[in-house]
């Protein structure tokens, strides 16, 4: 039986052990398992799919480089989400610092960022009401909403990923739902919130395998 055909019933830990034992190509299956989840989380923070793909690749490379030190104290998916959030926040901080430097040097208004063709397609696919409502939420509420409602993580898992208390998770989720109100109550399903298509998944997988010199 093909190596890749046996992975469906295996846990993340099983796959990690196979990778560490020399079956590097199995890492592709770990990437595919968690791609959609990381994409939605990244979009909730960065709101730009090109930036999110970059951060996803950085996350997977980071995880690859430290895979041997993964201690299974938390789920592998939780570990990946934590790395992804950290990478996204670092990018935001870097850009904020750069913006401040540009403003101090040029004393000019910030430039408008043009929407990419892929963003235009995404905007058509998403419910306008859902997209606007979610993206207008403050990041701290939006992150909790995505993790709890879309990703269906527990209060404890969400608190661990965001490094906040469980009480804060509950409070922020309540406030997020109040801000979204009833007009988006029918758009809580995964397939309407930052959909992650197979073509995007294949692009990320192929690029990462090339970066890591993994042969299928």
N, C-alpha and C. Protein backbone atom coordinates (compact mmCIF):
# COMPACT_ATOMS: atom_id res chain seq x y z
N UNK A 1 0.85 -1.21 0.00
CA UNK A 1 0.00 0.00 0.00
C UNK A 1 0.88 1.24 0.00
N UNK A 2 0.50 2.26 -0.78
CA UNK A 2 1.28 3.49 -0.83
C UNK A 2 1.37 4.13 0.54
N UNK A 3 2.55 4.72 0.81
CA UNK A 3 2.77 5.35 2.11
C UNK A 3 1.72 6.41 2.39
N UNK A 4 1.42 7.25 1.37
CA UNK A 4 0.51 8.36 1.59
C UNK A 4 -0.94 7.90 1.74
N UNK A 5 -1.25 6.70 1.27
CA UNK A 5 -2.62 6.22 1.39
C UNK A 5 -2.95 5.73 2.80
N UNK A 6 -1.93 5.59 3.65
CA UNK A 6 -2.17 5.06 4.99
C UNK A 6 -2.36 6.15 6.03
N UNK A 7 -2.25 7.40 5.65
CA UNK A 7 -2.20 8.47 6.64
C UNK A 7 -3.56 8.91 7.16
N UNK A 8 -4.63 8.61 6.44
CA UNK A 8 -5.95 9.15 6.80
C UNK A 8 -6.35 8.77 8.21
N UNK A 9 -6.04 7.57 8.64
CA UNK A 9 -6.45 7.11 9.96
C UNK A 9 -5.41 7.36 11.04
N UNK A 10 -4.30 7.98 10.66
CA UNK A 10 -3.23 8.22 11.62
C UNK A 10 -3.37 9.59 12.27
N UNK A 11 -2.93 9.70 13.51
CA UNK A 11 -2.97 10.98 14.21
C UNK A 11 -1.81 11.85 13.76
N UNK A 12 -1.86 13.12 14.14
CA UNK A 12 -0.74 14.01 13.84
C UNK A 12 0.55 13.49 14.44
N UNK A 13 0.48 12.96 15.65
CA UNK A 13 1.68 12.45 16.31
C UNK A 13 2.25 11.27 15.53
N UNK A 14 1.38 10.41 15.01
CA UNK A 14 1.84 9.29 14.19
C UNK A 14 2.62 9.80 12.98
N UNK A 15 2.06 10.82 12.33
CA UNK A 15 2.70 11.37 11.14
C UNK A 15 4.02 12.06 11.49
N UNK A 16 4.04 12.77 12.60
CA UNK A 16 5.27 13.44 13.04
C UNK A 16 6.37 12.41 13.28
N UNK A 17 6.01 11.32 13.93
CA UNK A 17 7.00 10.27 14.20
C UNK A 17 7.53 9.67 12.90
N UNK A 18 6.65 9.51 11.92
CA UNK A 18 7.10 8.98 10.63
C UNK A 18 8.06 9.96 9.94
N UNK A 19 7.75 11.25 10.03
CA UNK A 19 8.64 12.25 9.45
C UNK A 19 10.00 12.20 10.12
N UNK A 20 9.99 12.16 11.45
CA UNK A 20 11.25 12.14 12.20
C UNK A 20 12.04 10.85 11.97
N UNK A 21 11.34 9.81 11.55
CA UNK A 21 12.00 8.53 11.26
C UNK A 21 12.46 8.42 9.81
N UNK A 22 12.37 9.54 9.08
CA UNK A 22 12.93 9.56 7.74
C UNK A 22 11.93 9.66 6.61
N UNK A 23 10.63 9.55 6.88
CA UNK A 23 9.62 9.67 5.83
C UNK A 23 9.23 11.14 5.66
N UNK A 24 10.13 11.91 5.13
CA UNK A 24 9.92 13.36 5.06
C UNK A 24 8.70 13.75 4.21
N UNK A 25 8.40 12.96 3.20
CA UNK A 25 7.27 13.29 2.32
C UNK A 25 5.95 13.31 3.06
N UNK A 26 5.87 12.64 4.20
CA UNK A 26 4.63 12.60 4.98
C UNK A 26 4.29 13.99 5.53
N UNK A 27 5.28 14.87 5.60
CA UNK A 27 5.02 16.23 6.11
C UNK A 27 3.96 16.93 5.28
N UNK A 28 3.88 16.56 4.00
CA UNK A 28 2.85 17.14 3.13
C UNK A 28 1.46 16.92 3.71
N UNK A 29 1.22 15.76 4.27
CA UNK A 29 -0.10 15.45 4.82
C UNK A 29 -0.41 16.30 6.04
N UNK A 30 0.59 16.59 6.84
CA UNK A 30 0.39 17.48 7.98
C UNK A 30 0.05 18.89 7.50
N UNK A 31 0.72 19.32 6.44
CA UNK A 31 0.44 20.64 5.88
C UNK A 31 -1.01 20.71 5.40
N UNK A 32 -1.42 19.70 4.65
CA UNK A 32 -2.77 19.71 4.09
C UNK A 32 -3.84 19.64 5.20
N UNK A 33 -3.55 18.94 6.27
CA UNK A 33 -4.52 18.83 7.35
C UNK A 33 -4.81 20.18 8.01
N UNK A 34 -3.81 21.03 8.08
CA UNK A 34 -3.95 22.25 8.87
C UNK A 34 -3.99 23.53 8.03
N UNK A 35 -3.88 23.39 6.71
CA UNK A 35 -3.86 24.57 5.84
C UNK A 35 -5.08 25.47 6.01
N UNK A 36 -6.27 24.89 5.90
CA UNK A 36 -7.48 25.71 5.94
C UNK A 36 -7.63 26.44 7.27
N UNK A 37 -7.30 25.76 8.35
CA UNK A 37 -7.42 26.35 9.68
C UNK A 37 -6.47 27.54 9.83
N UNK A 38 -5.21 27.36 9.42
CA UNK A 38 -4.24 28.45 9.52
C UNK A 38 -4.62 29.61 8.62
N UNK A 39 -5.18 29.30 7.45
CA UNK A 39 -5.57 30.37 6.53
C UNK A 39 -6.66 31.25 7.14
N UNK A 40 -7.67 30.64 7.74
CA UNK A 40 -8.75 31.42 8.34
C UNK A 40 -8.23 32.29 9.49
N UNK A 41 -7.35 31.72 10.31
CA UNK A 41 -6.79 32.49 11.42
C UNK A 41 -5.96 33.65 10.89
N UNK A 42 -5.14 33.38 9.88
CA UNK A 42 -4.32 34.44 9.30
C UNK A 42 -5.14 35.55 8.70
N UNK A 43 -6.24 35.19 8.00
CA UNK A 43 -7.10 36.20 7.41
C UNK A 43 -7.77 37.06 8.48
N UNK A 44 -8.08 36.47 9.62
CA UNK A 44 -8.72 37.23 10.69
C UNK A 44 -7.79 38.29 11.25
N UNK A 45 -6.49 38.09 11.09
CA UNK A 45 -5.51 39.03 11.64
C UNK A 45 -4.99 39.98 10.57
N UNK A 46 -4.59 39.45 9.41
CA UNK A 46 -3.91 40.25 8.39
C UNK A 46 -4.85 40.79 7.32
N UNK A 47 -5.95 40.08 7.05
CA UNK A 47 -6.95 40.53 6.08
C UNK A 47 -6.40 40.67 4.66
N UNK A 48 -5.34 39.93 4.37
CA UNK A 48 -4.75 39.96 3.03
C UNK A 48 -4.23 38.56 2.73
N UNK A 49 -4.81 37.91 1.71
CA UNK A 49 -4.49 36.51 1.50
C UNK A 49 -3.05 36.26 1.08
N UNK A 50 -2.43 37.20 0.36
CA UNK A 50 -1.03 37.02 -0.02
C UNK A 50 -0.13 37.02 1.21
N UNK A 51 -0.39 37.96 2.13
CA UNK A 51 0.38 38.00 3.37
C UNK A 51 0.14 36.74 4.20
N UNK A 52 -1.10 36.28 4.21
CA UNK A 52 -1.42 35.09 4.99
C UNK A 52 -0.68 33.87 4.45
N UNK A 53 -0.62 33.72 3.15
CA UNK A 53 0.11 32.59 2.57
C UNK A 53 1.58 32.64 2.95
N UNK A 54 2.16 33.85 2.92
CA UNK A 54 3.56 33.99 3.33
C UNK A 54 3.75 33.55 4.78
N UNK A 55 2.85 33.97 5.65
CA UNK A 55 2.97 33.62 7.07
C UNK A 55 2.72 32.13 7.30
N UNK A 56 1.85 31.53 6.49
CA UNK A 56 1.62 30.09 6.60
C UNK A 56 2.90 29.33 6.25
N UNK A 57 3.57 29.76 5.20
CA UNK A 57 4.80 29.08 4.81
C UNK A 57 5.88 29.27 5.86
N UNK A 58 5.96 30.47 6.42
CA UNK A 58 6.91 30.71 7.50
C UNK A 58 6.60 29.81 8.70
N UNK A 59 5.31 29.66 8.98
CA UNK A 59 4.89 28.81 10.10
C UNK A 59 5.30 27.36 9.89
N UNK A 60 5.04 26.85 8.70
CA UNK A 60 5.37 25.44 8.43
C UNK A 60 6.88 25.20 8.41
N UNK A 61 7.63 26.17 7.90
CA UNK A 61 9.08 26.03 7.92
C UNK A 61 9.60 26.05 9.35
N UNK A 62 9.04 26.96 10.15
CA UNK A 62 9.41 27.04 11.56
C UNK A 62 9.10 25.72 12.26
N UNK A 63 7.91 25.19 12.01
CA UNK A 63 7.52 23.92 12.62
C UNK A 63 8.42 22.78 12.17
N UNK A 64 8.76 22.77 10.88
CA UNK A 64 9.66 21.74 10.35
C UNK A 64 11.01 21.77 11.05
N UNK A 65 11.54 22.97 11.23
CA UNK A 65 12.85 23.11 11.83
C UNK A 65 12.87 22.71 13.30
N UNK A 66 11.71 22.78 13.97
CA UNK A 66 11.64 22.47 15.39
C UNK A 66 10.79 21.22 15.67
N UNK A 67 10.54 20.44 14.63
CA UNK A 67 9.66 19.28 14.78
C UNK A 67 10.21 18.28 15.80
N UNK A 68 11.51 18.12 15.82
CA UNK A 68 12.11 17.15 16.75
C UNK A 68 11.93 17.55 18.21
N UNK A 69 11.73 18.86 18.45
CA UNK A 69 11.58 19.34 19.83
C UNK A 69 10.13 19.46 20.26
N UNK A 70 9.20 19.09 19.34
CA UNK A 70 7.78 19.13 19.71
C UNK A 70 7.53 18.07 20.77
N UNK A 71 7.02 18.49 21.93
CA UNK A 71 6.89 17.60 23.08
C UNK A 71 5.49 17.05 23.29
N UNK A 72 4.58 17.38 22.41
CA UNK A 72 3.22 16.86 22.53
C UNK A 72 2.54 17.29 23.83
N UNK A 73 2.97 18.44 24.39
CA UNK A 73 2.29 18.97 25.58
C UNK A 73 0.97 19.60 25.20
N UNK A 74 0.85 20.01 23.96
CA UNK A 74 -0.42 20.51 23.40
C UNK A 74 -0.60 19.82 22.06
N UNK A 75 -1.79 19.90 21.50
CA UNK A 75 -2.04 19.31 20.19
C UNK A 75 -1.16 19.98 19.14
N UNK A 76 -0.76 19.22 18.13
CA UNK A 76 0.08 19.77 17.08
C UNK A 76 -0.61 20.95 16.40
N UNK A 77 -1.94 20.83 16.19
CA UNK A 77 -2.68 21.93 15.58
C UNK A 77 -2.64 23.18 16.43
N UNK A 78 -2.72 23.02 17.73
CA UNK A 78 -2.64 24.17 18.64
C UNK A 78 -1.26 24.82 18.56
N UNK A 79 -0.23 23.99 18.50
CA UNK A 79 1.14 24.48 18.38
C UNK A 79 1.30 25.28 17.09
N UNK A 80 0.77 24.76 15.98
CA UNK A 80 0.85 25.47 14.71
C UNK A 80 0.11 26.80 14.77
N UNK A 81 -1.08 26.79 15.35
CA UNK A 81 -1.86 28.03 15.44
C UNK A 81 -1.13 29.09 16.24
N UNK A 82 -0.47 28.67 17.31
CA UNK A 82 0.27 29.62 18.13
C UNK A 82 1.42 30.24 17.32
N UNK A 83 2.12 29.41 16.56
CA UNK A 83 3.21 29.91 15.72
C UNK A 83 2.65 30.88 14.68
N UNK A 84 1.52 30.51 14.05
CA UNK A 84 0.91 31.34 13.02
C UNK A 84 0.51 32.70 13.56
N UNK A 85 -0.12 32.71 14.71
CA UNK A 85 -0.55 33.98 15.31
C UNK A 85 0.66 34.85 15.65
N UNK A 86 1.70 34.24 16.18
CA UNK A 86 2.91 34.99 16.51
C UNK A 86 3.54 35.59 15.27
N UNK A 87 3.59 34.82 14.18
CA UNK A 87 4.18 35.32 12.94
C UNK A 87 3.35 36.48 12.38
N UNK A 88 2.04 36.34 12.41
CA UNK A 88 1.16 37.42 11.91
C UNK A 88 1.32 38.68 12.74
N UNK A 89 1.37 38.52 14.06
CA UNK A 89 1.52 39.69 14.92
C UNK A 89 2.88 40.36 14.74
N UNK A 90 3.91 39.56 14.52
CA UNK A 90 5.23 40.13 14.26
C UNK A 90 5.23 40.95 12.98
N UNK A 91 4.54 40.43 11.95
CA UNK A 91 4.45 41.17 10.69
C UNK A 91 3.72 42.49 10.89
N UNK A 92 2.63 42.47 11.67
CA UNK A 92 1.89 43.70 11.93
C UNK A 92 2.74 44.71 12.69
N UNK A 93 3.49 44.22 13.69
CA UNK A 93 4.36 45.13 14.45
C UNK A 93 5.45 45.74 13.56
N UNK A 94 6.00 44.91 12.69
CA UNK A 94 7.05 45.38 11.79
C UNK A 94 6.50 46.45 10.85
N UNK A 95 5.31 46.22 10.35
CA UNK A 95 4.72 47.20 9.44
C UNK A 95 4.31 48.48 10.15
N UNK A 96 3.85 48.33 11.37
CA UNK A 96 3.50 49.51 12.15
C UNK A 96 4.72 50.37 12.41
N UNK A 97 5.83 49.72 12.74
CA UNK A 97 7.06 50.45 12.98
C UNK A 97 7.54 51.14 11.70
N UNK A 98 7.45 50.41 10.56
CA UNK A 98 7.86 50.99 9.29
C UNK A 98 6.99 52.19 8.93
N UNK A 99 5.69 52.07 9.20
CA UNK A 99 4.77 53.16 8.90
C UNK A 99 5.11 54.39 9.73
N UNK A 100 5.40 54.19 11.00
CA UNK A 100 5.77 55.30 11.86
C UNK A 100 7.03 55.98 11.37
N UNK A 101 7.98 55.17 10.90
CA UNK A 101 9.23 55.75 10.37
C UNK A 101 8.97 56.54 9.11
N UNK A 102 8.12 56.00 8.24
CA UNK A 102 7.80 56.71 7.00
C UNK A 102 7.09 58.04 7.28
N UNK A 103 6.18 58.03 8.26
CA UNK A 103 5.45 59.24 8.59
C UNK A 103 6.38 60.30 9.16
N UNK A 104 7.30 59.87 9.98
CA UNK A 104 8.23 60.83 10.59
C UNK A 104 9.18 61.41 9.56
N UNK A 105 9.53 60.62 8.57
CA UNK A 105 10.48 61.08 7.55
C UNK A 105 9.81 61.94 6.49
N UNK A 106 8.61 61.58 6.12
CA UNK A 106 7.95 62.27 4.99
C UNK A 106 6.76 63.13 5.41
N UNK A 107 6.25 62.95 6.60
CA UNK A 107 5.12 63.73 7.09
C UNK A 107 3.99 63.73 6.06
N UNK A 108 3.67 62.52 5.57
CA UNK A 108 2.64 62.41 4.54
C UNK A 108 1.59 61.40 4.97
N UNK A 109 0.47 61.48 4.32
CA UNK A 109 -0.61 60.54 4.63
C UNK A 109 -0.22 59.14 4.18
N UNK A 110 -0.75 58.15 4.85
CA UNK A 110 -0.47 56.77 4.47
C UNK A 110 -1.06 56.47 3.11
N UNK A 111 -0.34 55.65 2.36
CA UNK A 111 -0.78 55.30 1.01
C UNK A 111 -1.85 54.23 1.06
N UNK A 112 -2.80 54.32 0.14
CA UNK A 112 -3.84 53.30 0.06
C UNK A 112 -3.28 52.03 -0.55
N UNK A 113 -3.65 50.91 0.02
CA UNK A 113 -3.22 49.62 -0.49
C UNK A 113 -4.25 49.10 -1.49
N UNK A 114 -3.80 48.87 -2.71
CA UNK A 114 -4.72 48.40 -3.73
C UNK A 114 -5.11 46.95 -3.50
N UNK A 115 -6.31 46.67 -3.78
CA UNK A 115 -6.81 45.31 -3.61
C UNK A 115 -6.26 44.42 -4.72
N UNK A 116 -5.74 43.25 -4.34
CA UNK A 116 -5.18 42.32 -5.30
C UNK A 116 -6.32 41.63 -6.06
N UNK A 117 -6.03 41.07 -7.25
CA UNK A 117 -7.07 40.33 -7.99
C UNK A 117 -7.64 39.18 -7.17
N UNK A 118 -6.78 38.50 -6.39
CA UNK A 118 -7.28 37.38 -5.59
C UNK A 118 -8.23 37.88 -4.51
N UNK A 119 -7.92 39.06 -3.94
CA UNK A 119 -8.84 39.61 -2.95
C UNK A 119 -10.19 39.93 -3.58
N UNK A 120 -10.16 40.41 -4.82
CA UNK A 120 -11.41 40.75 -5.50
C UNK A 120 -12.27 39.50 -5.67
N UNK A 121 -11.62 38.38 -6.05
CA UNK A 121 -12.34 37.12 -6.19
C UNK A 121 -12.90 36.67 -4.85
N UNK A 122 -12.06 36.79 -3.81
CA UNK A 122 -12.49 36.37 -2.48
C UNK A 122 -13.70 37.17 -2.03
N UNK A 123 -13.68 38.49 -2.32
CA UNK A 123 -14.78 39.34 -1.90
C UNK A 123 -16.10 38.90 -2.54
N UNK A 124 -16.03 38.41 -3.78
CA UNK A 124 -17.23 37.96 -4.46
C UNK A 124 -17.74 36.67 -3.86
N UNK A 125 -16.82 35.82 -3.40
CA UNK A 125 -17.21 34.52 -2.87
C UNK A 125 -17.82 34.63 -1.48
N UNK A 126 -17.33 35.58 -0.71
CA UNK A 126 -17.82 35.72 0.65
C UNK A 126 -19.13 36.47 0.71
N UNK A 127 -19.91 36.16 1.70
CA UNK A 127 -21.09 36.98 1.97
C UNK A 127 -20.62 38.37 2.35
N UNK A 128 -21.15 39.39 1.69
CA UNK A 128 -20.73 40.76 1.95
C UNK A 128 -21.00 41.13 3.41
N UNK A 129 -22.13 40.73 3.89
CA UNK A 129 -22.47 41.05 5.28
C UNK A 129 -21.51 40.41 6.26
N UNK A 130 -21.19 39.13 6.03
CA UNK A 130 -20.30 38.42 6.93
C UNK A 130 -18.90 39.00 6.88
N UNK A 131 -18.41 39.24 5.68
CA UNK A 131 -17.05 39.75 5.54
C UNK A 131 -16.88 41.10 6.22
N UNK A 132 -17.80 42.02 5.94
CA UNK A 132 -17.68 43.35 6.52
C UNK A 132 -17.80 43.30 8.04
N UNK A 133 -18.74 42.52 8.51
CA UNK A 133 -18.95 42.43 9.95
C UNK A 133 -17.73 41.86 10.65
N UNK A 134 -17.17 40.79 10.11
CA UNK A 134 -16.00 40.16 10.74
C UNK A 134 -14.77 41.06 10.70
N UNK A 135 -14.51 41.62 9.53
CA UNK A 135 -13.28 42.41 9.36
C UNK A 135 -13.34 43.75 10.09
N UNK A 136 -14.53 44.20 10.45
CA UNK A 136 -14.65 45.44 11.20
C UNK A 136 -14.51 45.21 12.70
N UNK A 137 -14.54 43.96 13.12
CA UNK A 137 -14.35 43.67 14.55
C UNK A 137 -12.91 43.98 14.95
N UNK A 138 -12.69 44.50 16.14
CA UNK A 138 -11.31 44.63 16.65
C UNK A 138 -10.64 43.27 16.64
N UNK A 139 -9.35 43.24 16.38
CA UNK A 139 -8.64 41.97 16.19
C UNK A 139 -8.80 41.03 17.37
N UNK A 140 -8.78 41.55 18.59
CA UNK A 140 -8.84 40.66 19.75
C UNK A 140 -10.18 39.93 19.84
N UNK A 141 -11.25 40.55 19.36
CA UNK A 141 -12.55 39.89 19.33
C UNK A 141 -12.66 38.96 18.12
N UNK A 142 -12.13 39.42 17.00
CA UNK A 142 -12.19 38.62 15.78
C UNK A 142 -11.43 37.31 15.95
N UNK A 143 -10.26 37.37 16.59
CA UNK A 143 -9.47 36.16 16.80
C UNK A 143 -10.20 35.14 17.65
N UNK A 144 -10.83 35.61 18.73
CA UNK A 144 -11.58 34.70 19.60
C UNK A 144 -12.76 34.10 18.85
N UNK A 145 -13.46 34.91 18.08
CA UNK A 145 -14.61 34.41 17.31
C UNK A 145 -14.19 33.33 16.33
N UNK A 146 -13.10 33.56 15.59
CA UNK A 146 -12.64 32.57 14.61
C UNK A 146 -12.24 31.26 15.29
N UNK A 147 -11.53 31.36 16.40
CA UNK A 147 -11.05 30.15 17.07
C UNK A 147 -12.19 29.37 17.72
N UNK A 148 -13.12 30.09 18.37
CA UNK A 148 -14.18 29.41 19.11
C UNK A 148 -15.32 28.95 18.20
N UNK A 149 -15.78 29.83 17.31
CA UNK A 149 -16.97 29.53 16.52
C UNK A 149 -16.63 28.82 15.22
N UNK A 150 -15.64 29.33 14.48
CA UNK A 150 -15.31 28.74 13.19
C UNK A 150 -14.45 27.49 13.35
N UNK A 151 -13.39 27.61 14.17
CA UNK A 151 -12.51 26.46 14.37
C UNK A 151 -13.05 25.49 15.42
N UNK A 152 -14.05 25.92 16.17
CA UNK A 152 -14.70 25.06 17.17
C UNK A 152 -13.72 24.58 18.24
N UNK A 153 -12.77 25.44 18.62
CA UNK A 153 -11.85 25.10 19.69
C UNK A 153 -12.50 25.37 21.04
N UNK A 154 -12.02 24.70 22.06
CA UNK A 154 -12.56 24.89 23.40
C UNK A 154 -12.09 26.22 23.97
N UNK A 155 -12.71 26.62 25.07
CA UNK A 155 -12.30 27.85 25.76
C UNK A 155 -10.84 27.71 26.20
N UNK A 156 -10.49 26.56 26.72
CA UNK A 156 -9.12 26.35 27.21
C UNK A 156 -8.10 26.42 26.08
N UNK A 157 -8.42 25.79 24.93
CA UNK A 157 -7.50 25.83 23.79
C UNK A 157 -7.33 27.25 23.26
N UNK A 158 -8.44 27.97 23.17
CA UNK A 158 -8.38 29.35 22.69
C UNK A 158 -7.56 30.23 23.63
N UNK A 159 -7.76 30.06 24.91
CA UNK A 159 -7.00 30.82 25.90
C UNK A 159 -5.51 30.54 25.77
N UNK A 160 -5.17 29.27 25.54
CA UNK A 160 -3.76 28.89 25.42
C UNK A 160 -3.13 29.51 24.19
N UNK A 161 -3.84 29.45 23.06
CA UNK A 161 -3.30 29.98 21.81
C UNK A 161 -3.10 31.49 21.88
N UNK A 162 -4.06 32.21 22.47
CA UNK A 162 -4.01 33.67 22.51
C UNK A 162 -3.31 34.21 23.76
N UNK A 163 -2.92 33.31 24.65
CA UNK A 163 -2.23 33.70 25.89
C UNK A 163 -3.07 34.68 26.71
N UNK A 164 -4.35 34.37 26.86
CA UNK A 164 -5.23 35.16 27.71
C UNK A 164 -5.98 34.19 28.63
N UNK A 165 -6.69 34.73 29.60
CA UNK A 165 -7.41 33.87 30.54
C UNK A 165 -8.68 33.32 29.89
N UNK A 166 -9.19 32.24 30.45
CA UNK A 166 -10.43 31.66 29.95
C UNK A 166 -11.59 32.60 30.14
N UNK A 167 -11.56 33.38 31.20
CA UNK A 167 -12.61 34.38 31.43
C UNK A 167 -12.61 35.41 30.30
N UNK A 168 -11.40 35.84 29.90
CA UNK A 168 -11.29 36.80 28.80
C UNK A 168 -11.83 36.22 27.50
N UNK A 169 -11.57 34.93 27.27
CA UNK A 169 -12.09 34.28 26.07
C UNK A 169 -13.61 34.37 26.05
N UNK A 170 -14.24 34.04 27.15
CA UNK A 170 -15.70 34.05 27.22
C UNK A 170 -16.26 35.46 27.03
N UNK A 171 -15.62 36.42 27.68
CA UNK A 171 -16.09 37.81 27.58
C UNK A 171 -15.95 38.33 26.15
N UNK A 172 -14.79 38.05 25.54
CA UNK A 172 -14.55 38.55 24.18
C UNK A 172 -15.49 37.89 23.17
N UNK A 173 -15.80 36.62 23.38
CA UNK A 173 -16.71 35.95 22.46
C UNK A 173 -18.11 36.56 22.56
N UNK A 174 -18.55 36.84 23.77
CA UNK A 174 -19.86 37.46 23.96
C UNK A 174 -19.91 38.82 23.26
N UNK A 175 -18.85 39.61 23.45
CA UNK A 175 -18.80 40.94 22.83
C UNK A 175 -18.73 40.83 21.31
N UNK A 176 -17.99 39.84 20.82
CA UNK A 176 -17.89 39.65 19.37
C UNK A 176 -19.26 39.34 18.78
N UNK A 177 -20.00 38.46 19.44
CA UNK A 177 -21.32 38.09 18.94
C UNK A 177 -22.29 39.25 19.00
N UNK A 178 -22.16 40.06 20.04
CA UNK A 178 -23.02 41.24 20.15
C UNK A 178 -22.76 42.21 19.02
N UNK A 179 -21.46 42.36 18.66
CA UNK A 179 -21.11 43.28 17.58
C UNK A 179 -21.55 42.75 16.22
N UNK A 180 -21.48 41.45 16.06
CA UNK A 180 -21.92 40.86 14.79
C UNK A 180 -23.43 40.90 14.64
N UNK A 181 -24.11 40.74 15.78
CA UNK A 181 -25.57 40.80 15.84
C UNK A 181 -26.23 39.72 14.99
N UNK A 182 -27.54 39.85 14.86
CA UNK A 182 -28.30 38.79 14.21
C UNK A 182 -28.07 38.74 12.70
N UNK A 183 -27.61 39.82 12.09
CA UNK A 183 -27.51 39.84 10.62
C UNK A 183 -26.49 38.86 10.08
N UNK A 184 -25.57 38.37 10.94
CA UNK A 184 -24.59 37.41 10.44
C UNK A 184 -24.76 36.04 11.09
N UNK A 185 -25.83 35.83 11.80
CA UNK A 185 -26.01 34.57 12.52
C UNK A 185 -26.08 33.37 11.58
N UNK A 186 -26.46 33.59 10.31
CA UNK A 186 -26.56 32.49 9.36
C UNK A 186 -25.27 32.23 8.60
N UNK A 187 -24.20 32.98 8.96
CA UNK A 187 -22.95 32.85 8.21
C UNK A 187 -21.81 32.32 9.09
N UNK A 188 -22.14 31.55 10.13
CA UNK A 188 -21.13 31.06 11.05
C UNK A 188 -20.42 29.80 10.57
N UNK A 189 -20.85 29.24 9.44
CA UNK A 189 -20.27 27.99 8.99
C UNK A 189 -18.92 28.22 8.29
N UNK A 190 -18.06 27.22 8.39
CA UNK A 190 -16.71 27.33 7.84
C UNK A 190 -16.67 27.67 6.36
N UNK A 191 -17.58 27.11 5.57
CA UNK A 191 -17.47 27.26 4.13
C UNK A 191 -17.80 28.66 3.66
N UNK A 192 -18.31 29.51 4.53
CA UNK A 192 -18.61 30.89 4.16
C UNK A 192 -17.64 31.87 4.78
N UNK A 193 -16.72 31.40 5.59
CA UNK A 193 -15.78 32.29 6.26
C UNK A 193 -14.38 32.01 5.76
N UNK A 194 -13.84 32.90 4.92
CA UNK A 194 -12.50 32.75 4.37
C UNK A 194 -12.30 31.35 3.79
N UNK A 195 -13.03 30.96 2.76
CA UNK A 195 -12.91 29.61 2.20
C UNK A 195 -11.50 29.33 1.71
N UNK A 196 -11.05 28.12 1.92
CA UNK A 196 -9.69 27.74 1.55
C UNK A 196 -9.80 26.70 0.45
N UNK A 197 -9.51 27.10 -0.80
CA UNK A 197 -9.73 26.23 -1.94
C UNK A 197 -8.52 25.33 -2.21
N UNK A 198 -8.78 24.23 -2.92
CA UNK A 198 -7.75 23.24 -3.19
C UNK A 198 -6.58 23.83 -3.96
N UNK A 199 -6.84 24.74 -4.90
CA UNK A 199 -5.75 25.31 -5.69
C UNK A 199 -4.78 26.08 -4.80
N UNK A 200 -5.32 26.77 -3.78
CA UNK A 200 -4.46 27.49 -2.85
C UNK A 200 -3.67 26.50 -1.99
N UNK A 201 -4.34 25.44 -1.58
CA UNK A 201 -3.69 24.40 -0.77
C UNK A 201 -2.52 23.79 -1.54
N UNK A 202 -2.77 23.45 -2.82
CA UNK A 202 -1.72 22.84 -3.63
C UNK A 202 -0.54 23.79 -3.82
N UNK A 203 -0.82 25.07 -4.01
CA UNK A 203 0.24 26.05 -4.21
C UNK A 203 1.14 26.14 -2.98
N UNK A 204 0.52 26.19 -1.81
CA UNK A 204 1.30 26.28 -0.58
C UNK A 204 2.11 25.01 -0.34
N UNK A 205 1.47 23.87 -0.56
CA UNK A 205 2.16 22.59 -0.36
C UNK A 205 3.36 22.47 -1.28
N UNK A 206 3.16 22.73 -2.57
CA UNK A 206 4.24 22.58 -3.54
C UNK A 206 5.41 23.52 -3.24
N UNK A 207 5.10 24.74 -2.88
CA UNK A 207 6.16 25.70 -2.57
C UNK A 207 6.94 25.26 -1.34
N UNK A 208 6.23 24.80 -0.32
CA UNK A 208 6.90 24.38 0.91
C UNK A 208 7.78 23.16 0.69
N UNK A 209 7.29 22.20 -0.05
CA UNK A 209 8.09 21.00 -0.31
C UNK A 209 9.37 21.35 -1.05
N UNK A 210 9.28 22.33 -1.97
CA UNK A 210 10.48 22.78 -2.67
C UNK A 210 11.44 23.51 -1.73
N UNK A 211 10.88 24.37 -0.87
CA UNK A 211 11.70 25.11 0.09
C UNK A 211 12.45 24.17 1.02
N UNK A 212 11.79 23.11 1.44
CA UNK A 212 12.36 22.17 2.41
C UNK A 212 13.10 21.01 1.73
N UNK A 213 13.17 21.05 0.41
CA UNK A 213 13.85 19.99 -0.35
C UNK A 213 13.29 18.60 -0.02
N UNK A 214 11.97 18.52 0.09
CA UNK A 214 11.31 17.24 0.36
C UNK A 214 10.85 16.64 -0.95
N UNK A 215 11.26 15.43 -1.21
CA UNK A 215 10.88 14.74 -2.45
C UNK A 215 9.70 13.82 -2.19
N UNK A 216 8.72 13.85 -3.04
CA UNK A 216 7.54 13.00 -2.88
C UNK A 216 7.83 11.58 -3.33
